[in-house]
Amino acid sequence: MNAVWTESAEIADNALVAVGAPTNSLKIERETHKLEKRLCREVGRAIVDYNMIEEGDKVMVCVSGGKDSYAMLDILLKLKARAPIHFDIVAVNLDQKQPGFPEEVLPKYLSELGVAFHIENQDTYSIVKRVIPEGKTTCGLCSRLRRGILYRVADELGATKVALGHHRDDMLQTFFLNMFFAGKLKSMPPKLVSDDGKHIVIRPLAYVAEKDLVRWAQHREFPIIPCTLCGSQENLQRKQVGEMLREWDKKHPGRVENMFTALQNVVPSHLLDGTRHDFKGLKATGVADDDGDKAFDTPSFDLLSQAPAALRIVQG
């Protein structure tokens, strides 16, 4: 069953060879097929790993008009066609009445796509502009208002899952934002119970890199709608952290992947949170423990050569 979620047909590549496509065109098409296969595989893997979608689910896919939510809907529709279970999809957009918002774009796109959809009209823009002082970050209030409205719409539509378009890089950015500015080791979970306790929220793009979504959006030519409320706030802390991660990914290939893997391999006994590990009650048992203190073991990974000089361990 898992394989059906994560496999992708490779017939298209062979078909291109058969018709004798030009070399450049063939290369582009092959790369595009590889990208599509990777996206389907990673989304399918996340669905399986966290049991995101189950038999008979009605998945409310939140579509904002940005590249991430377009890609999420696109890939979920592809997976739905060959999934080992039956589930329904309804696309939902919240029109927040931002000035200049092209309200005809999404209904036209979704109608042409042939997917069931609902447009919810709520003037949250005026509320945010009235409450938040000029120059201050609007994201917090905007997201709270949006979340409450979407949960209500999910009830009205009978949706059993609410799908959001956050990707791997969003999760890492949130982790560093919480660590830098909130003093918490906390990220975005791939699946959670909503604030009101009534809904299951899922993030099918949890394993997907943002750079792949950028390429897919360009290939699919999604009609992107920019956010004029928060998209123009250039000094947002999230943007700064995003730039930091992109710089690391450029200079140190593999670092971002390792950090994301670390979020899935938490060792509470080697952190400092006494509510997650009983440090006070620790007793020597005289029995060897695989989870014991290995802090002074020789690292089994080659990080020493990559570390800044000031941080390298002098051995010998």
Protein backbone atom coordinates (compact mmCIF):
# COMPACT_ATOMS: atom_id res chain seq x y z
CA MET A 1 0.00 0.00 0.00
CA ASN A 2 2.82 2.43 0.86
CA ALA A 3 4.41 1.92 -2.54
CA VAL A 4 1.25 3.05 -4.31
CA TRP A 5 1.45 6.37 -2.50
CA THR A 6 5.13 6.92 -3.23
CA GLU A 7 5.82 5.37 -6.65
CA SER A 8 5.51 7.35 -9.87
CA ALA A 9 5.34 6.08 -13.43
CA GLU A 10 8.41 6.58 -15.60
CA ILE A 11 6.70 5.89 -18.93
CA ALA A 12 6.97 9.52 -20.05
CA ASP A 13 10.78 9.45 -20.25
CA ASN A 14 10.71 6.42 -22.53
CA ALA A 15 8.02 8.00 -24.67
CA LEU A 16 10.18 11.07 -25.21
CA VAL A 17 13.06 8.93 -26.39
CA ALA A 18 10.77 7.02 -28.74
CA VAL A 19 9.55 10.16 -30.52
CA GLY A 20 13.08 11.50 -30.85
CA ALA A 21 12.67 14.77 -28.97
CA PRO A 22 15.48 17.35 -29.39
CA THR A 23 18.35 16.96 -26.92
CA ASN A 24 17.71 20.18 -24.95
CA SER A 25 13.99 19.59 -24.88
CA LEU A 26 14.54 15.99 -23.81
CA LYS A 27 16.82 17.08 -20.98
CA ILE A 28 14.30 19.63 -19.71
CA GLU A 29 11.47 17.11 -19.91
CA ARG A 30 13.49 14.49 -18.08
CA GLU A 31 14.35 16.93 -15.29
CA THR A 32 10.71 17.92 -15.04
CA HIS A 33 9.60 14.30 -14.77
CA LYS A 34 12.23 13.67 -12.11
CA LEU A 35 10.95 16.69 -10.20
CA GLU A 36 7.35 15.51 -10.45
CA LYS A 37 8.34 12.05 -9.30
CA ARG A 38 10.25 13.49 -6.35
CA LEU A 39 7.35 15.72 -5.31
CA CYS A 40 4.86 12.85 -5.48
CA ARG A 41 7.23 10.58 -3.59
CA GLU A 42 7.90 13.05 -0.78
CA VAL A 43 4.25 14.03 -0.35
CA GLY A 44 3.23 10.36 -0.43
CA ARG A 45 5.92 9.50 2.10
CA ALA A 46 4.72 12.19 4.50
CA ILE A 47 1.12 11.01 4.14
CA VAL A 48 2.15 7.45 4.99
CA ASP A 49 4.60 8.34 7.78
CA TYR A 50 2.05 10.43 9.67
CA ASN A 51 -1.18 8.77 8.51
CA MET A 52 -2.37 12.10 7.18
CA ILE A 53 -5.14 10.89 4.88
CA GLU A 54 -7.43 7.94 5.59
CA GLU A 55 -10.21 6.06 3.82
CA GLY A 56 -13.26 8.26 3.28
CA ASP A 57 -11.58 11.53 4.28
CA LYS A 58 -12.76 14.83 2.88
CA VAL A 59 -9.61 16.94 2.66
CA MET A 60 -10.05 20.70 2.67
CA VAL A 61 -7.05 22.03 0.77
CA CYS A 62 -6.40 25.66 1.71
CA VAL A 63 -5.36 27.56 -1.42
CA SER A 64 -4.03 31.08 -0.90
CA GLY A 65 -2.87 31.83 -4.43
CA GLY A 66 0.79 31.27 -3.57
CA LYS A 67 3.12 28.70 -5.13
CA ASP A 68 3.07 26.34 -2.13
CA SER A 69 -0.70 25.87 -1.88
CA TYR A 70 -1.04 25.58 -5.67
CA ALA A 71 1.60 22.84 -5.68
CA MET A 72 0.00 21.06 -2.73
CA LEU A 73 -3.36 20.91 -4.49
CA ASP A 74 -1.68 19.84 -7.74
CA ILE A 75 0.25 16.95 -6.17
CA LEU A 76 -2.65 15.78 -3.99
CA LEU A 77 -4.85 15.54 -7.08
CA LYS A 78 -2.18 13.44 -8.79
CA LEU A 79 -1.90 11.14 -5.77
CA LYS A 80 -5.67 10.88 -5.40
CA ALA A 81 -5.87 9.35 -8.88
CA ARG A 82 -3.72 6.37 -7.83
CA ALA A 83 -4.06 6.26 -4.03
CA PRO A 84 -4.87 2.88 -2.42
CA ILE A 85 -7.80 4.52 -0.63
CA HIS A 86 -10.70 6.79 -1.57
CA PHE A 87 -10.76 10.38 -0.36
CA ASP A 88 -12.30 13.61 -1.61
CA ILE A 89 -10.71 17.01 -2.09
CA VAL A 90 -12.31 20.43 -1.81
CA ALA A 91 -10.20 23.53 -2.42
CA VAL A 92 -10.93 26.53 -0.21
CA ASN A 93 -9.73 30.10 -0.60
CA LEU A 94 -10.24 32.87 1.92
CA ASP A 95 -10.69 36.20 0.13
CA GLN A 96 -9.53 38.64 2.82
CA LYS A 97 -10.51 41.70 0.75
CA GLN A 98 -7.01 43.00 0.32
CA PRO A 99 -6.90 46.02 -2.03
CA GLY A 100 -6.27 44.96 -5.59
CA PHE A 101 -6.85 41.25 -4.90
CA PRO A 102 -7.77 39.68 -8.27
CA GLU A 103 -10.84 37.81 -7.04
CA GLU A 104 -11.52 36.23 -10.43
CA VAL A 105 -8.18 34.37 -10.68
CA LEU A 106 -8.73 31.45 -8.30
CA PRO A 107 -12.36 30.66 -9.26
CA LYS A 108 -11.31 30.60 -12.92
CA TYR A 109 -8.28 28.39 -12.24
CA LEU A 110 -10.14 25.95 -9.97
CA SER A 111 -13.09 25.72 -12.37
CA GLU A 112 -10.76 24.87 -15.26
CA LEU A 113 -9.03 22.31 -13.02
CA GLY A 114 -12.37 20.63 -12.39
CA VAL A 115 -11.94 20.42 -8.62
CA ALA A 116 -14.70 21.19 -6.10
CA PHE A 117 -14.02 24.54 -4.44
CA HIS A 118 -15.38 27.18 -2.09
CA ILE A 119 -14.45 30.86 -1.88
CA GLU A 120 -14.98 32.39 1.58
CA ASN A 121 -15.30 36.18 1.62
CA GLN A 122 -14.27 37.83 4.89
CA ASP A 123 -12.82 41.32 5.29
CA THR A 124 -10.00 40.48 7.68
CA TYR A 125 -7.78 43.02 5.92
CA SER A 126 -9.66 45.97 7.42
CA ILE A 127 -9.52 44.42 10.89
CA VAL A 128 -5.76 43.87 10.71
CA LYS A 129 -5.06 47.37 9.38
CA ARG A 130 -7.26 48.91 12.07
CA VAL A 131 -5.75 46.97 14.98
CA ILE A 132 -2.04 46.72 14.04
CA PRO A 133 -0.05 50.00 14.12
CA GLU A 134 1.62 51.05 10.88
CA GLY A 135 5.00 49.38 10.43
CA LYS A 136 4.30 46.54 12.85
CA THR A 137 4.13 42.89 11.79
CA THR A 138 0.62 41.86 10.75
CA CYS A 139 1.21 38.11 10.41
CA GLY A 140 0.23 37.11 13.96
CA LEU A 141 -3.27 38.61 13.98
CA CYS A 142 -3.86 37.80 10.33
CA SER A 143 -3.05 34.12 10.84
CA ARG A 144 -5.28 33.86 13.94
CA LEU A 145 -8.24 35.39 12.14
CA ARG A 146 -7.65 33.23 9.08
CA ARG A 147 -7.33 30.08 11.17
CA GLY A 148 -10.63 30.63 12.97
CA ILE A 149 -12.48 31.24 9.72
CA LEU A 150 -11.00 28.18 8.03
CA TYR A 151 -11.98 25.93 10.95
CA ARG A 152 -15.55 27.19 10.70
CA VAL A 153 -15.60 26.58 6.94
CA ALA A 154 -14.23 23.06 7.51
CA ASP A 155 -17.22 22.38 9.77
CA GLU A 156 -19.66 23.75 7.22
CA LEU A 157 -18.16 21.67 4.39
CA GLY A 158 -17.91 18.49 6.47
CA ALA A 159 -14.14 18.30 5.98
CA THR A 160 -12.32 15.71 8.09
CA LYS A 161 -8.81 17.05 7.38
CA VAL A 162 -7.53 20.58 6.81
CA ALA A 163 -4.43 20.67 4.56
CA LEU A 164 -2.00 23.58 4.79
CA GLY A 165 0.83 24.28 2.35
CA HIS A 166 3.78 24.65 4.72
CA HIS A 167 6.93 22.93 3.43
CA ARG A 168 10.21 21.65 4.89
CA ASP A 169 11.87 25.07 4.85
CA ASP A 170 8.90 26.66 6.65
CA MET A 171 9.29 24.08 9.41
CA LEU A 172 13.01 24.76 9.79
CA GLN A 173 12.42 28.53 9.77
CA THR A 174 9.83 28.13 12.52
CA PHE A 175 12.26 26.02 14.55
CA PHE A 176 14.95 28.70 14.42
CA LEU A 177 12.47 31.53 15.03
CA ASN A 178 11.26 29.79 18.20
CA MET A 179 14.81 29.11 19.32
CA PHE A 180 16.14 32.60 18.57
CA PHE A 181 13.20 34.70 19.71
CA ALA A 182 10.94 32.57 21.94
CA GLY A 183 13.42 30.38 23.79
CA LYS A 184 11.74 27.14 22.70
CA LEU A 185 12.73 24.05 20.71
CA LYS A 186 9.53 24.00 18.70
CA SER A 187 8.64 23.74 15.02
CA MET A 188 5.58 23.11 12.84
CA PRO A 189 4.25 19.56 13.28
CA PRO A 190 3.25 17.66 10.13
CA LYS A 191 -0.06 16.75 11.77
CA LEU A 192 -1.88 18.24 14.73
CA VAL A 193 -5.23 18.77 16.39
CA SER A 194 -6.58 22.29 15.80
CA ASP A 195 -6.83 24.95 18.50
CA ASP A 196 -10.53 24.25 19.00
CA GLY A 197 -9.90 20.51 19.29
CA LYS A 198 -12.31 19.71 16.46
CA HIS A 199 -10.09 19.30 13.41
CA ILE A 200 -7.02 17.43 12.21
CA VAL A 201 -4.61 19.75 10.41
CA ILE A 202 -2.08 18.21 8.03
CA ARG A 203 0.93 19.52 6.14
CA PRO A 204 1.47 17.17 3.16
CA LEU A 205 4.49 19.20 1.93
CA ALA A 206 6.40 18.52 5.18
CA TYR A 207 9.24 16.72 3.36
CA VAL A 208 9.34 18.98 0.29
CA ALA A 209 12.13 21.54 -0.25
CA GLU A 210 11.02 25.04 -1.20
CA LYS A 211 13.39 25.16 -4.18
CA ASP A 212 11.49 22.22 -5.71
CA LEU A 213 8.20 24.07 -5.26
CA VAL A 214 9.66 27.13 -6.99
CA ARG A 215 10.66 25.00 -9.98
CA TRP A 216 7.31 23.22 -10.08
CA ALA A 217 5.38 26.50 -9.95
CA GLN A 218 7.43 27.81 -12.89
CA HIS A 219 6.82 24.61 -14.85
CA ARG A 220 3.08 24.55 -14.15
CA GLU A 221 2.72 28.33 -14.62
CA PHE A 222 0.44 28.76 -11.63
CA PRO A 223 -1.40 32.12 -11.58
CA ILE A 224 0.43 33.40 -8.49
CA ILE A 225 -1.37 36.03 -6.38
CA PRO A 226 1.02 38.09 -4.20
CA CYS A 227 0.00 38.93 -0.63
CA THR A 228 -0.14 42.73 -0.38
CA LEU A 229 -0.85 42.60 3.35
CA CYS A 230 2.29 40.87 4.60
CA GLY A 231 4.32 40.12 1.48
CA SER A 232 5.67 43.67 1.38
CA GLN A 233 7.13 43.51 4.90
CA GLU A 234 10.75 43.03 3.94
CA ASN A 235 12.24 42.98 7.44
CA LEU A 236 10.21 40.12 8.84
CA GLN A 237 12.28 37.84 11.07
CA ARG A 238 11.04 34.84 9.07
CA LYS A 239 12.49 36.29 5.89
CA GLN A 240 15.83 36.85 7.57
CA VAL A 241 15.93 33.27 8.86
CA GLY A 242 14.93 32.05 5.39
CA GLU A 243 17.88 33.90 3.89
CA MET A 244 20.16 32.32 6.49
CA LEU A 245 18.98 28.82 5.57
CA ARG A 246 19.35 29.48 1.84
CA GLU A 247 22.89 30.74 2.39
CA TRP A 248 23.75 27.63 4.40
CA ASP A 249 22.25 25.40 1.73
CA LYS A 250 24.36 27.14 -0.91
CA LYS A 251 27.65 27.06 0.99
CA HIS A 252 27.19 23.74 2.80
CA PRO A 253 25.16 21.26 0.69
CA GLY A 254 23.36 18.74 2.88
CA ARG A 255 23.28 20.89 6.01
CA VAL A 256 19.60 21.80 5.67
CA GLU A 257 18.66 18.16 5.08
CA ASN A 258 20.61 17.14 8.20
CA MET A 259 18.89 19.79 10.30
CA PHE A 260 15.48 18.63 9.14
CA THR A 261 16.41 15.01 9.89
CA ALA A 262 17.41 16.16 13.38
CA LEU A 263 13.84 17.33 14.00
CA GLN A 264 12.80 13.69 13.57
CA ASN A 265 15.52 12.32 15.88
CA VAL A 266 15.02 14.03 19.22
CA VAL A 267 16.89 12.68 22.26
CA PRO A 268 15.24 14.23 25.37
CA SER A 269 17.82 12.66 27.71
CA HIS A 270 20.52 14.78 26.07
CA LEU A 271 18.70 18.09 26.33
CA LEU A 272 17.80 20.06 29.47
CA ASP A 273 14.01 19.83 29.76
CA GLY A 274 13.15 18.17 33.06
CA THR A 275 9.52 17.82 32.02
CA ARG A 276 10.54 15.57 29.11
CA HIS A 277 13.15 13.52 30.94
CA ASP A 278 13.36 12.58 34.62
CA PHE A 279 16.79 13.97 35.46
CA LYS A 280 15.99 14.24 39.16
CA GLY A 281 15.02 10.59 39.42
CA LEU A 282 18.04 9.18 37.57
CA LYS A 283 19.71 6.24 39.36
CA ALA A 284 22.77 4.19 38.41
CA THR A 285 21.53 0.68 37.60
CA GLY A 286 24.81 -1.05 36.82
CA VAL A 287 23.30 -2.16 33.52
CA ALA A 288 24.62 -0.86 30.20
CA ASP A 289 22.15 1.41 28.41
CA ASP A 290 22.25 2.18 24.67
CA ASP A 291 20.65 5.54 25.46
CA GLY A 292 23.27 6.38 28.06
CA ASP A 293 25.76 9.22 28.01
CA LYS A 294 27.79 9.08 24.80
CA ALA A 295 28.63 12.75 24.72
CA PHE A 296 32.36 12.08 24.71
CA ASP A 297 32.34 9.36 22.06
CA THR A 298 34.23 10.03 18.86
CA PRO A 299 31.75 11.45 16.33
CA SER A 300 30.71 8.94 13.69
CA PHE A 301 30.10 11.68 11.16
CA ASP A 302 32.59 13.89 9.40
CA LEU A 303 31.77 17.35 10.68
CA LEU A 304 35.18 18.32 12.04
CA SER A 305 36.60 19.26 8.68
CA GLN A 306 33.56 21.45 7.94
CA ALA A 307 33.47 23.28 11.27
CA PRO A 308 34.90 26.79 11.67
CA ALA A 309 38.47 26.78 12.99
CA ALA A 310 37.41 28.22 16.34
CA LEU A 311 35.03 25.32 16.89
CA ARG A 312 37.22 22.41 15.82
CA ILE A 313 38.21 19.86 18.42
CA VAL A 314 41.95 19.56 18.85
CA GLN A 315 42.82 15.88 19.01
CA GLY A 316 46.08 14.11 19.76
